[in-house]
Protein backbone atom coordinates (compact mmCIF):
# COMPACT_ATOMS: atom_id res chain seq x y z
CA UNK A 1 118.65 161.76 114.04
CA UNK A 2 118.71 161.27 117.40
CA UNK A 3 120.51 164.63 118.27
CA UNK A 4 118.94 166.00 115.23
CA UNK A 5 115.60 164.62 117.33
CA UNK A 6 116.13 165.90 120.22
CA UNK A 7 117.15 169.52 119.95
CA UNK A 8 114.32 169.79 117.36
CA UNK A 9 111.49 168.70 120.50
CA UNK A 10 113.92 171.05 123.55
CA UNK A 11 112.91 174.12 120.06
CA UNK A 12 109.17 172.74 120.40
CA UNK A 13 108.90 172.69 123.80
CA UNK A 14 110.61 176.57 124.27
CA UNK A 15 108.38 177.99 121.89
CA UNK A 16 105.31 176.83 123.11
CA UNK A 17 105.91 176.63 127.31
CA UNK A 18 106.70 180.62 125.97
CA UNK A 19 103.48 180.93 124.02
CA UNK A 20 101.28 178.99 126.89
CA UNK A 21 103.12 182.04 129.38
CA UNK A 22 102.08 185.16 127.97
CA UNK A 23 97.99 183.83 127.49
CA UNK A 24 96.94 185.80 130.36
CA UNK A 25 98.40 189.27 129.73
CA UNK A 26 97.23 189.18 126.02
CA UNK A 27 93.56 189.16 127.27
CA UNK A 28 92.33 192.56 124.56
CA UNK A 29 93.29 193.56 121.49
CA UNK A 30 95.51 196.00 122.83
CA UNK A 31 97.59 193.29 124.31
CA UNK A 32 97.04 190.69 121.79
CA UNK A 33 98.49 193.38 118.96
CA UNK A 34 101.24 195.00 120.13
CA UNK A 35 101.51 194.47 123.52
CA UNK A 36 100.17 197.87 125.08
CA UNK A 37 102.56 199.91 123.14
CA UNK A 38 105.15 198.81 125.85
CA UNK A 39 107.63 196.44 124.31
CA UNK A 40 111.93 196.68 125.60
CA UNK A 41 114.70 197.78 122.62
CA UNK A 42 116.01 194.55 122.96
CA UNK A 43 112.68 192.88 121.73
CA UNK A 44 111.67 194.94 119.64
CA UNK A 45 115.07 195.28 118.03
CA UNK A 46 115.58 191.15 117.46
CA UNK A 47 111.14 190.79 116.37
CA UNK A 48 112.82 192.98 113.69
CA UNK A 49 115.28 191.64 112.99
CA UNK A 50 113.90 187.43 112.69
CA UNK A 51 110.92 189.22 111.21
CA UNK A 52 112.86 190.71 108.23
CA UNK A 53 115.00 187.26 107.11
CA UNK A 54 113.22 183.95 107.32
CA UNK A 55 113.79 180.25 104.88
CA UNK A 56 113.15 182.89 101.77
CA UNK A 57 116.49 184.75 102.60
CA UNK A 58 118.62 182.15 104.12
CA UNK A 59 117.65 179.19 101.34
CA UNK A 60 115.90 181.11 98.28
CA UNK A 61 117.65 184.67 98.21
CA UNK A 62 120.99 183.77 99.35
CA UNK A 63 121.05 180.74 96.92
CA UNK A 64 119.34 181.92 93.91
CA UNK A 65 121.86 185.42 94.21
CA UNK A 66 125.14 184.18 95.97
CA UNK A 67 125.16 181.57 92.70
CA UNK A 68 123.76 184.02 89.91
CA UNK A 69 126.63 186.78 91.77
CA UNK A 70 128.57 184.75 93.46
CA UNK A 71 130.33 187.06 96.58
CA UNK A 72 129.60 190.35 95.02
CA UNK A 73 126.04 188.65 97.33
CA UNK A 74 127.23 189.82 99.95
CA UNK A 75 126.19 193.83 99.28
CA UNK A 76 122.42 192.50 100.00
CA UNK A 77 123.17 192.13 102.97
CA UNK A 78 125.04 194.90 103.75
CA UNK A 79 122.07 197.23 101.88
CA UNK A 80 120.11 195.07 104.41
CA UNK A 81 121.88 195.74 107.48
CA UNK A 82 122.17 200.03 106.65
CA UNK A 83 119.41 200.89 104.67
CA UNK A 84 116.39 198.34 105.78
CA UNK A 85 117.59 198.29 108.80
CA UNK A 86 119.31 200.87 110.26
CA UNK A 87 118.00 203.76 108.73
CA UNK A 88 114.94 202.19 109.19
CA UNK A 89 115.01 202.92 112.41
CA UNK A 90 116.58 205.83 112.56
CA UNK A 91 113.69 207.45 110.06
CA UNK A 92 110.52 205.64 110.94
CA UNK A 93 110.72 205.05 114.33
CA UNK A 94 109.90 207.86 116.54
CA UNK A 95 107.35 208.94 113.56
CA UNK A 96 106.31 206.24 114.00
CA UNK A 97 105.35 204.84 117.20
CA UNK A 98 103.81 208.58 118.34
CA UNK A 99 101.79 209.30 115.58
CA UNK A 100 100.17 205.65 115.87
CA UNK A 101 99.68 206.38 119.30
CA UNK A 102 98.25 209.85 119.04
CA UNK A 103 95.98 208.55 116.45
CA UNK A 104 95.15 205.45 117.64
CA UNK A 105 96.48 203.40 115.38
CA UNK A 106 97.57 199.88 115.39
CA UNK A 107 98.06 198.62 112.15
CA UNK A 108 99.17 199.80 108.85
CA UNK A 109 95.33 200.09 107.06
CA UNK A 110 94.25 201.45 110.14
CA UNK A 111 96.74 204.29 109.50
CA UNK A 112 95.36 205.51 106.38
CA UNK A 113 92.16 205.92 107.16
CA UNK A 114 93.20 208.00 109.85
CA UNK A 115 96.23 209.84 108.90
CA UNK A 116 94.49 210.72 105.09
CA UNK A 117 90.51 210.84 106.75
CA UNK A 118 89.32 207.86 104.05
CA UNK A 119 87.78 204.91 104.76
CA UNK A 120 88.07 203.87 101.94
CA UNK A 121 92.01 203.95 101.71
CA UNK A 122 91.40 201.49 105.54
CA UNK A 123 89.84 198.98 103.76
CA UNK A 124 92.10 198.39 100.19
CA UNK A 125 95.10 198.84 101.95
CA UNK A 126 93.60 195.94 104.09
CA UNK A 127 92.61 194.15 100.95
CA UNK A 128 95.80 194.93 100.09
CA UNK A 129 97.87 193.56 102.75
CA UNK A 130 96.22 190.23 103.24
CA UNK A 131 96.27 190.02 99.20
CA UNK A 132 99.80 190.33 98.58
CA UNK A 133 101.41 188.65 101.94
CA UNK A 134 99.64 185.50 101.51
CA UNK A 135 101.86 184.34 98.63
CA UNK A 136 105.40 185.25 101.01
CA UNK A 137 103.64 183.42 103.67
CA UNK A 138 103.41 180.30 101.76
CA UNK A 139 107.17 180.85 100.74
CA UNK A 140 108.31 180.01 103.78
CA UNK A 141 107.21 176.92 104.03
CA UNK A 142 108.98 175.63 101.00
CA UNK A 143 112.41 177.20 102.58
CA UNK A 144 112.18 175.42 105.24
CA UNK A 145 110.75 171.86 103.16
CA UNK A 146 114.34 172.05 101.07
CA UNK A 147 115.91 171.77 104.53
CA UNK A 148 113.67 169.27 106.28
CA UNK A 149 113.75 166.82 103.83
CA UNK A 150 117.65 167.02 103.57
CA UNK A 151 118.04 166.46 106.74
CA UNK A 152 115.38 164.15 107.96
CA UNK A 153 114.37 162.74 104.83
CA UNK A 154 110.68 162.62 105.88
CA UNK A 155 108.00 164.57 103.63
CA UNK A 156 107.45 167.98 102.84
CA UNK A 157 103.56 168.25 104.01
CA UNK A 158 104.92 166.32 108.08
CA UNK A 159 107.15 169.33 107.47
CA UNK A 160 104.15 171.74 106.33
CA UNK A 161 102.00 171.03 109.56
CA UNK A 162 104.85 171.18 112.03
CA UNK A 163 105.05 174.78 111.25
CA UNK A 164 102.10 175.96 111.02
CA UNK A 165 100.62 173.65 113.96
CA UNK A 166 103.30 174.66 116.24
CA UNK A 167 103.10 178.34 114.73
CA UNK A 168 99.29 177.66 115.64
CA UNK A 169 100.10 177.52 119.64
CA UNK A 170 101.56 180.32 119.99
CA UNK A 171 101.13 182.83 118.44
CA UNK A 172 97.42 181.96 119.44
CA UNK A 173 97.66 181.43 123.13
CA UNK A 174 100.16 184.17 123.71
CA UNK A 175 99.68 187.49 121.33
CA UNK A 176 102.39 189.42 120.79
CA UNK A 177 104.12 189.08 123.59
CA UNK A 178 104.93 185.52 122.61
CA UNK A 179 105.77 186.70 119.54
CA UNK A 180 109.00 189.18 120.53
CA UNK A 181 109.62 186.73 123.42
CA UNK A 182 110.40 184.06 120.86
CA UNK A 183 112.07 186.39 118.33
CA UNK A 184 114.40 186.95 120.67
CA UNK A 185 115.28 183.48 121.73
CA UNK A 186 114.72 182.57 118.17
CA UNK A 187 117.61 185.68 116.94
CA UNK A 188 120.14 183.75 119.29
CA UNK A 189 120.00 180.83 117.37
CA UNK A 190 119.91 182.23 114.53
CA UNK A 191 123.35 184.11 114.80
CA UNK A 192 125.38 180.63 116.53
CA UNK A 193 123.90 178.90 113.59
CA UNK A 194 124.59 181.05 110.48
CA UNK A 195 128.20 181.84 112.34
CA UNK A 196 128.88 177.98 112.73
CA UNK A 197 127.73 176.64 109.54
CA UNK A 198 129.70 180.40 107.97
CA UNK A 199 133.09 178.59 109.85
CA UNK A 200 131.78 174.68 108.78
CA UNK A 201 131.72 175.09 105.12
CA UNK A 202 134.76 177.84 104.84
CA UNK A 203 137.26 174.83 106.41
CA UNK A 204 135.75 172.39 104.15
CA UNK A 205 137.91 174.68 101.06
CA UNK A 206 140.94 175.79 103.52
CA UNK A 207 139.73 178.02 104.77
CA UNK A 208 138.90 181.97 103.14
CA UNK A 209 141.41 182.71 101.21
CA UNK A 210 141.62 179.50 99.74
CA UNK A 211 137.87 179.43 99.29
CA UNK A 212 138.20 183.61 98.27
CA UNK A 213 141.24 181.59 94.98
CA UNK A 214 138.38 178.66 94.47
CA UNK A 215 135.63 181.08 94.03
CA UNK A 216 137.75 182.58 90.86
CA UNK A 217 138.38 180.48 89.72
CA UNK A 218 135.36 178.97 88.47
CA UNK A 219 134.02 180.97 85.28
CA UNK A 220 130.19 180.30 83.26
CA UNK A 221 130.23 181.10 79.59
CA UNK A 222 126.54 181.92 80.32
CA UNK A 223 127.02 184.08 82.61
CA UNK A 224 129.56 186.41 81.78
CA UNK A 225 133.44 186.24 79.99
CA UNK A 226 134.90 188.03 82.39
CA UNK A 227 137.83 185.98 84.33
CA UNK A 228 137.14 185.97 88.17
CA UNK A 229 134.26 187.04 87.77
CA UNK A 230 131.81 185.39 91.38
CA UNK A 231 134.80 186.43 92.94
CA UNK A 232 134.38 190.38 92.18
CA UNK A 233 133.43 193.29 94.07
CA UNK A 234 130.29 194.16 91.53
CA UNK A 235 129.96 190.34 90.59
CA UNK A 236 128.41 189.81 86.84
CA UNK A 237 124.96 192.07 86.72
CA UNK A 238 125.70 194.64 88.79
CA UNK A 239 122.42 196.25 87.84
CA UNK A 240 120.36 192.95 88.62
CA UNK A 241 121.80 193.06 92.23
CA UNK A 242 120.82 196.78 92.80
CA UNK A 243 117.57 196.19 91.62
CA UNK A 244 118.03 193.05 94.90
CA UNK A 245 119.88 195.53 97.27
CA UNK A 246 117.24 198.40 96.83
CA UNK A 247 113.58 195.92 97.28
CA UNK A 248 115.05 194.05 100.01
CA UNK A 249 116.29 197.02 101.67
CA UNK A 250 114.71 200.40 101.21
CA UNK A 251 111.35 197.72 100.38
CA UNK A 252 110.83 196.53 104.07
CA UNK A 253 110.18 200.47 104.86
CA UNK A 254 106.49 199.62 103.60
CA UNK A 255 105.81 196.38 104.93
CA UNK A 256 103.58 196.15 107.52
CA UNK A 257 104.53 193.68 109.54
CA UNK A 258 107.89 195.28 109.59
CA UNK A 259 106.64 198.48 110.87
CA UNK A 260 104.27 197.31 112.82
CA UNK A 261 107.07 196.71 114.76
CA UNK A 262 107.90 200.41 115.64
CA UNK A 263 104.03 200.67 116.75
CA UNK A 264 104.56 198.51 120.46
CA UNK A 265 108.42 199.97 120.50
CA UNK A 266 108.25 200.89 124.74
CA UNK A 267 110.17 204.66 124.38
CA UNK A 268 112.48 207.54 122.87
CA UNK A 269 115.22 205.88 124.70
CA UNK A 270 114.25 201.79 123.19
CA UNK A 271 114.67 203.48 119.85
CA UNK A 272 118.49 204.18 119.92
CA UNK A 273 119.34 200.82 121.57
CA UNK A 274 116.68 198.98 119.60
CA UNK A 275 118.59 200.53 116.53
CA UNK A 276 122.09 199.63 117.46
CA UNK A 277 121.27 196.43 118.18
CA UNK A 278 118.82 195.40 114.63
CA UNK A 279 121.34 196.93 112.44
CA UNK A 280 124.32 194.58 114.09
CA UNK A 281 121.58 191.33 114.08
CA UNK A 282 120.85 191.95 110.56
CA UNK A 283 125.49 192.44 109.27
CA UNK A 284 124.99 188.86 110.99
CA UNK A 285 122.21 187.34 109.46
CA UNK A 286 121.68 188.44 105.56
CA UNK A 287 125.12 189.64 105.57
CA UNK A 288 125.95 186.07 106.21
CA UNK A 289 123.16 184.07 104.35
CA UNK A 290 124.74 186.37 101.70
CA UNK A 291 128.01 185.26 101.89
CA UNK A 292 127.54 181.22 102.48
CA UNK A 293 125.12 181.43 99.21
CA UNK A 294 127.85 183.16 97.46
CA UNK A 295 130.12 180.71 97.74
CA UNK A 296 127.49 178.04 96.46
CA UNK A 297 129.64 177.36 92.86
CA UNK A 298 132.51 175.60 94.26
CA UNK A 299 130.26 173.18 95.72
CA UNK A 300 128.38 172.56 91.73
CA UNK A 301 129.54 169.81 92.14
CA UNK A 302 126.83 168.31 94.40
CA UNK A 303 124.54 170.81 92.57
CA UNK A 304 122.09 170.97 89.51
CA UNK A 305 120.15 174.09 88.94
CA UNK A 306 118.47 173.28 85.92
CA UNK A 307 117.17 170.56 87.19
CA UNK A 308 115.93 171.57 91.12
CA UNK A 309 116.32 175.46 91.11
CA UNK A 310 118.00 177.51 92.62
CA UNK A 311 115.93 176.57 96.05
CA UNK A 312 118.91 173.55 95.98
CA UNK A 313 121.63 174.65 95.87
CA UNK A 314 122.09 175.67 100.05
CA UNK A 315 120.94 172.86 100.75
CA UNK A 316 122.77 170.92 98.94
CA UNK A 317 125.91 173.00 99.95
CA UNK A 318 124.90 171.72 103.41
CA UNK A 319 124.22 168.47 103.03
CA UNK A 320 127.87 166.49 103.32
CA UNK A 321 128.41 168.95 107.48
CA UNK A 322 128.21 166.43 110.44
CA UNK A 323 124.33 165.59 111.70
CA UNK A 324 124.58 168.15 114.62
CA UNK A 325 125.62 170.95 112.96
CA UNK A 326 122.45 169.71 110.12
CA UNK A 327 120.47 170.12 112.88
CA UNK A 328 121.89 173.18 114.45
CA UNK A 329 121.07 174.77 110.63
CA UNK A 330 117.42 173.24 110.74
CA UNK A 331 116.75 174.71 113.77
CA UNK A 332 117.96 178.60 112.21
CA UNK A 333 116.04 177.89 109.35
CA UNK A 334 113.03 177.04 111.94
CA UNK A 335 113.91 180.08 114.22
CA UNK A 336 113.85 182.27 111.18
CA UNK A 337 110.93 181.33 109.06
CA UNK A 338 108.74 180.50 112.43
CA UNK A 339 109.08 184.06 113.21
CA UNK A 340 107.92 185.57 110.14
CA UNK A 341 105.29 184.11 110.08
CA UNK A 342 103.71 184.70 113.27
CA UNK A 343 104.96 187.80 112.20
CA UNK A 344 102.94 188.10 109.93
CA UNK A 345 100.06 186.40 110.20
CA UNK A 346 100.12 188.70 113.30
CA UNK A 347 99.41 191.00 110.92
CA UNK A 348 96.91 189.37 108.14
CA UNK A 349 95.06 188.84 111.22
CA UNK A 350 94.95 191.76 112.68
CA UNK A 351 94.28 193.55 109.89
CA UNK A 352 90.83 191.90 108.11
CA UNK A 353 89.42 191.81 111.94
CA UNK A 354 90.37 195.70 113.05
CA UNK A 355 90.37 196.91 109.17
CA UNK A 356 88.28 195.42 106.84
CA UNK A 357 84.91 193.06 109.28
CA UNK A 358 84.97 196.02 111.60
CA UNK A 359 82.97 198.38 111.24
CA UNK A 360 81.68 198.05 108.11
CA UNK A 361 80.81 193.96 107.84
CA UNK A 362 80.07 193.62 112.22
CA UNK A 363 78.45 197.21 112.40
CA UNK A 364 79.10 196.68 117.10
CA UNK A 365 81.89 194.21 117.71
CA UNK A 366 82.78 194.16 120.82
CA UNK A 367 86.27 193.05 122.62
CA UNK A 368 86.08 189.72 123.19
CA UNK A 369 84.19 188.98 119.93
CA UNK A 370 87.70 191.52 118.60
CA UNK A 371 90.32 188.70 120.41
CA UNK A 372 88.31 185.21 118.94
CA UNK A 373 88.37 187.01 115.53
CA UNK A 374 91.42 187.61 115.56
CA UNK A 375 93.30 184.72 117.05
CA UNK A 376 91.21 182.65 114.91
CA UNK A 377 92.09 184.28 111.67
CA UNK A 378 95.70 183.41 113.14
CA UNK A 379 94.66 180.11 112.31
CA UNK A 380 92.37 179.62 108.89
CA UNK A 381 95.87 182.28 107.58
CA UNK A 382 98.05 179.53 108.46
CA UNK A 383 96.48 176.70 106.99
CA UNK A 384 95.19 178.51 103.66
CA UNK A 385 99.20 179.34 103.29
CA UNK A 386 100.11 175.62 104.01
CA UNK A 387 97.74 174.99 101.58
CA UNK A 388 98.98 177.07 99.15
CA UNK A 389 102.42 176.09 99.76
CA UNK A 390 101.41 172.01 99.02
CA UNK A 391 99.92 173.34 95.40
CA UNK A 392 103.03 175.63 95.54
CA UNK A 393 105.16 173.52 95.23
CA UNK A 394 103.44 169.58 93.79
CA UNK A 395 102.79 171.59 90.96
CA UNK A 396 106.31 173.76 90.72
CA UNK A 397 104.58 177.74 90.42
CA UNK A 398 107.55 179.43 91.04
CA UNK A 399 110.84 179.74 93.11
CA UNK A 400 110.75 180.82 96.59
CA UNK A 401 112.58 184.07 95.55
CA UNK A 402 109.55 184.89 92.62
CA UNK A 403 107.23 184.40 94.79
CA UNK A 404 109.05 186.86 98.39
CA UNK A 405 109.52 189.31 94.62
CA UNK A 406 105.78 189.41 93.81
CA UNK A 407 104.68 190.14 97.12
CA UNK A 408 107.52 192.57 98.63
CA UNK A 409 107.17 194.28 95.26
CA UNK A 410 103.07 194.93 95.01
CA UNK A 411 103.15 196.38 99.17
CA UNK A 412 106.01 197.91 99.66
CA UNK A 413 105.64 199.86 95.95
CA UNK A 414 102.40 200.74 97.83
CA UNK A 415 102.42 201.06 101.00
CA UNK A 416 105.91 202.93 101.48
CA UNK A 417 106.34 206.50 99.96
CA UNK A 418 102.01 207.38 101.58
CA UNK A 419 103.78 205.68 104.19
CA UNK A 420 106.31 207.80 104.65
CA UNK A 421 105.30 210.87 103.15
CA UNK A 422 101.44 210.76 104.99
CA UNK A 423 104.73 210.64 108.17
CA UNK A 424 106.44 213.77 107.13
CA UNK A 425 104.34 215.78 104.68
CA UNK A 426 101.33 218.24 105.47
CA UNK A 427 100.82 218.65 101.09
CA UNK A 428 100.87 214.62 100.69
CA UNK A 429 96.29 213.86 99.67
CA UNK A 430 94.35 210.84 99.72
CA UNK A 431 93.79 210.64 95.51
CA UNK A 432 97.07 210.64 95.66
CA UNK A 433 97.77 207.26 98.36
CA UNK A 434 94.84 206.06 96.45
CA UNK A 435 96.80 206.66 92.35
CA UNK A 436 100.02 204.89 93.78
CA UNK A 437 97.68 201.79 95.20
CA UNK A 438 96.73 201.13 92.05
CA UNK A 439 100.16 201.27 90.01
CA UNK A 440 101.46 199.47 92.17
CA UNK A 441 99.49 196.89 92.65
CA UNK A 442 98.22 196.21 88.77
CA UNK A 443 101.87 196.91 87.55
CA UNK A 444 102.81 193.56 90.09
CA UNK A 445 99.58 191.84 88.91
CA UNK A 446 100.25 192.09 85.01
CA UNK A 447 104.03 191.27 86.43
CA UNK A 448 102.75 188.49 87.37
CA UNK A 449 99.83 187.09 84.09
CA UNK A 450 102.11 189.41 80.95
CA UNK A 451 106.07 189.02 82.24
CA UNK A 452 107.17 188.65 78.52
CA UNK A 453 105.42 191.19 77.23
CA UNK A 454 107.61 193.77 79.49
CA UNK A 455 111.06 195.46 79.24
CA UNK A 456 113.54 192.81 79.69
CA UNK A 457 114.79 194.52 82.92
CA UNK A 458 111.92 194.94 84.34
CA UNK A 459 110.27 190.87 84.10
CA UNK A 460 112.17 190.03 87.13
CA UNK A 461 109.96 190.40 89.45
CA UNK A 462 112.29 191.95 91.39
CA UNK A 463 113.27 194.14 89.25
CA UNK A 464 109.45 195.89 88.76
CA UNK A 465 108.53 195.39 92.88
CA UNK A 466 111.82 197.82 93.08
CA UNK A 467 110.85 199.68 89.74
CA UNK A 468 106.66 200.35 91.49
CA UNK A 469 108.37 201.28 95.05
CA UNK A 470 111.49 204.07 93.94
CA UNK A 471 107.99 204.95 91.51
CA UNK A 472 105.66 205.74 94.49
CA UNK A 473 108.27 209.13 95.34
CA UNK A 474 106.88 210.08 92.38
CA UNK A 475 103.72 209.57 92.28
CA UNK A 476 102.43 211.02 95.40
CA UNK A 477 104.46 214.15 95.18
CA UNK A 478 102.89 214.20 91.83
CA UNK A 479 99.38 213.92 92.34
CA UNK A 480 99.53 215.12 94.89
CA UNK A 481 100.62 218.65 93.63
CA UNK A 482 97.86 217.88 90.97
CA UNK A 483 94.84 217.67 93.54
CA UNK A 484 92.84 219.77 96.33
CA UNK A 485 95.22 220.01 99.38
CA UNK A 486 93.64 217.79 102.96
CA UNK A 487 91.21 220.03 105.25
CA UNK A 488 94.40 222.20 107.69
CA UNK A 489 92.38 221.14 110.85
CA UNK A 490 92.40 216.76 109.30
CA UNK A 491 96.38 217.31 108.80
CA UNK A 492 96.97 219.93 112.40
CA UNK A 493 94.93 217.12 113.97
CA UNK A 494 97.25 214.37 113.17
CA UNK A 495 100.95 216.18 113.05
CA UNK A 496 100.50 217.95 115.93
CA UNK A 497 100.89 214.82 117.96
CA UNK A 498 104.53 215.45 117.93
CA UNK A 499 104.73 218.35 119.85
CA UNK A 500 102.30 217.19 122.20
CA UNK A 501 101.90 214.77 125.27
CA UNK A 502 102.84 211.86 123.18
CA UNK A 503 106.05 212.54 122.37
CA UNK A 504 107.00 214.29 125.42
CA UNK A 505 105.47 210.50 127.18
CA UNK A 506 107.24 209.10 124.98
CA UNK A 507 110.96 210.67 125.72
CA UNK A 508 110.30 209.19 129.47
């Protein structure tokens, strides 16, 4: 216990110290929200990766889908690395950085408002961002609480308070730059932690080959009658597996807290370096998480999924490990969760202030006031998510993965297609974006309240989210062709940045 507490205290000290160090460098809205658009490749890549993977992935998704799909759940990790990281950087990074800088956009709702010349889209997308980021934020606490309870035997409420206070201090103090540097430190902890945990897990069952042979002997007639299905290439439910791969890999392209990382990167050269780093990070972290979860059924004697849910799988697997390793795991998940939490609250607070309050409810908001409001809302959003997490936990409202599925489905479904077409296609229209917003958010809200009425394959919020996301690639071009084209002047104003001074300076 002394070792675990010492590791935690060291982590808290370093994290808060970094936040205080960058306090003086976050005195303007641009520096607080985007670090002056001058962040290098290593920090951007780690910020992207650590915002991507949290306790939701390590505890919720790895536990649930490792148990359901066995070793084939590693496909999710590969999809996250190759589609959610590599392809996302190749397709989005440069055009996002150049166009947002050209338009003077600091958030995704601001991009929609400027790109499609619509104040309504800016306000509507800011409301969607706020509403659907909250359940995702709340889900982070619950994943972490499972491990804290296992490692320290402390009350769930104490875990929430500690995580909330720590995040609030360093984000409010140091802004984006403090979160980026902390993300780098936390990413190093995550890399070391996942490698150590996988090695210990395999060693406890005689190594990789022995573990694989034992997994092939596991059967569950309720899932599949096929022998060795949990050690097979595609597992017992390949269609459901594909839905998870799509939502968690392509879905990141439309998440505000992920895309916003590209707004701040320094140069085109940084993008090339960042692409390699981010992809490698995702391969190790996401691939490692699902690889670990894929062997969950070897610990079936410790796990009662029917009683405790899928979120208990990973903590039960780790419960027999040495104290020092448990301490490292707690730091791993704490790092992953806090880095994601900081990205979420930064996105929520900046969006709500700059896109919803400023110019609509407060006409003349000075920069000093904007900065004060953003910092205040960081604290408010952390508090709201903490309260929801407590209510969810005590009321057993939903599994972690279901909360995340609803959030990702609504946000990625609403934003991905309009954002991607906005970067690449001049013919995309304002009504098409509204149609896509309405379809995606409507579908996910209906899935929450009328899930049993959906077709069986879409009753899962994850599959419904993947469907909403893919449907956008039909809705946006179809409605765009059926509605009047945007003005040529507006389109040229947006796309001229790709060949103008912004693009030239960005290459240097």
